Protein backbone atom coordinates (compact mmCIF):
# COMPACT_ATOMS: atom_id res chain seq x y z
CA MET A 1 0.00 0.00 0.00
CA ASP A 2 1.47 3.36 -0.95
CA LEU A 3 2.04 6.24 1.42
CA GLU A 4 -0.84 8.33 0.08
CA LYS A 5 -3.39 5.57 0.71
CA CYS A 6 -2.01 5.02 4.20
CA ARG A 7 -2.32 8.70 5.02
CA GLU A 8 -5.86 8.67 3.68
CA LEU A 9 -6.65 5.70 5.93
CA LEU A 10 -5.10 7.49 8.88
CA ASP A 11 -7.16 10.63 8.20
CA GLN A 12 -10.27 8.49 7.93
CA TYR A 13 -9.35 6.76 11.20
CA GLN A 14 -8.96 10.09 13.00
CA SER A 15 -12.28 11.33 11.62
CA GLU A 16 -14.08 8.16 12.74
CA ASP A 17 -12.40 8.41 16.15
CA GLN A 18 -13.67 11.96 16.62
CA LYS A 19 -17.20 10.90 15.62
CA PHE A 20 -17.08 7.96 18.02
CA HIS A 21 -15.95 10.05 20.99
CA LYS A 22 -18.47 12.79 20.23
CA ALA A 23 -21.26 10.18 20.15
CA CYS A 24 -20.05 8.79 23.49
CA ARG A 25 -20.11 12.26 25.03
CA GLN A 26 -23.62 12.80 23.71
CA ILE A 27 -24.75 9.48 25.19
CA ASN A 28 -23.42 10.64 28.57
CA VAL A 29 -25.35 13.93 28.23
CA LEU A 30 -28.51 12.02 27.35
CA ASN A 31 -28.03 9.67 30.32
CA ARG A 32 -27.87 12.67 32.64
CA ARG A 33 -31.01 14.16 31.06
CA ILE A 34 -32.79 10.82 31.47
CA ASP A 35 -31.80 10.71 35.14
CA ASP A 36 -33.17 14.23 35.59
CA VAL A 37 -36.49 13.35 33.95
CA ILE A 38 -36.76 10.20 36.08
CA ALA A 39 -36.25 12.28 39.23
CA ARG A 40 -38.91 14.75 38.08
CA TYR A 41 -41.26 11.86 37.26
CA GLU A 42 -40.81 10.37 40.73
CA ARG A 43 -41.62 13.74 42.33
CA ALA A 44 -44.72 14.07 40.14
CA TYR A 45 -45.73 10.52 41.10
CA GLU A 46 -45.41 11.28 44.80
CA ALA A 47 -47.43 14.49 44.33
CA ASP A 48 -50.05 12.57 42.30
CA LYS A 49 -49.75 14.93 39.32
CA HIS A 50 -51.13 12.81 36.48
CA SER A 51 -50.76 15.40 33.72
CA HIS A 52 -47.10 16.02 34.60
CA ARG A 53 -46.39 12.30 34.77
CA ARG A 54 -47.76 11.72 31.27
CA SER A 55 -45.65 14.53 29.84
CA LEU A 56 -42.56 13.25 31.63
CA ARG A 57 -43.14 9.67 30.43
CA LEU A 58 -43.29 10.96 26.85
CA GLN A 59 -40.08 12.93 27.36
CA LEU A 60 -38.42 9.91 28.90
CA SER A 61 -39.36 7.58 26.05
CA THR A 62 -38.13 10.14 23.50
CA LEU A 63 -34.82 10.65 25.28
CA GLU A 64 -34.29 6.90 25.61
CA ALA A 65 -35.00 6.39 21.90
CA VAL A 66 -32.53 9.11 20.93
CA ARG A 67 -29.92 7.65 23.29
CA ASP A 68 -30.44 4.21 21.76
CA MET A 69 -29.88 5.68 18.29
CA PHE A 70 -26.65 7.34 19.43
CA TYR A 71 -25.58 4.05 20.96
CA GLU A 72 -26.14 2.25 17.66
CA TYR A 73 -24.22 4.99 15.85
CA ALA A 74 -21.33 4.71 18.33
CA CYS A 75 -21.26 0.93 17.82
CA GLN A 76 -21.05 1.41 14.06
CA ARG A 77 -18.21 3.92 14.46
CA SER A 78 -16.45 1.49 16.80
CA ASP A 79 -16.69 -1.29 14.23
CA SER A 80 -15.41 1.06 11.54
CA LEU A 81 -12.50 2.11 13.76
CA GLU A 82 -11.57 -1.51 14.35
CA GLN A 83 -11.58 -2.26 10.62
CA LEU A 84 -9.49 0.82 9.85
CA ARG A 85 -7.05 -0.05 12.63
CA GLU A 86 -6.64 -3.55 11.21
CA ARG A 87 -6.05 -2.17 7.71
CA LEU A 88 -3.46 0.28 9.02
CA LEU A 89 -1.68 -2.41 11.03
CA SER A 90 -1.70 -4.88 8.14
CA SER A 91 -0.28 -2.22 5.79
CA GLY A 92 2.70 -1.80 8.08
CA PHE A 93 1.96 1.91 8.39
CA LEU A 94 1.27 1.45 12.10
CA THR A 95 3.21 -0.88 14.35
CA ALA A 96 1.23 -0.16 17.53
CA GLU A 97 -1.76 1.83 18.75
CA PRO A 98 -1.92 5.39 17.37
CA ALA A 99 -0.43 8.07 19.63
CA GLY A 100 -2.87 9.30 22.24
CA GLU A 101 -5.19 6.33 21.70
CA GLU A 102 -7.15 5.43 24.79
CA PRO A 103 -8.99 2.19 25.40
CA MET A 104 -12.57 2.37 24.15
CA GLU A 105 -14.88 3.46 26.90
CA HIS A 106 -17.92 1.48 27.92
CA VAL A 107 -21.20 3.33 27.53
CA GLU A 108 -24.37 2.25 29.29
């Protein structure tokens, strides 16, 4: 594999890595929002506020659906990163993990 193709792969790897980490950060933001809505729902439940509970349940289901979509996207980016890493390693362009590479974080 020539140098130009290897650099293109490396650029693609860095782009995918940025997308993956941004998706992970967004999942963390959504998890915090979900926790906030759950706390508000529990307060509404204790206060027997039916109209608030319905609204909060709808918000919760929407937030969970969006989080699930981000999770799927992050999984796709992770798979793509793994394939690019393998291609870079097999080309001999990389001999180890890229500089600054951290282990992939687990997202709930």
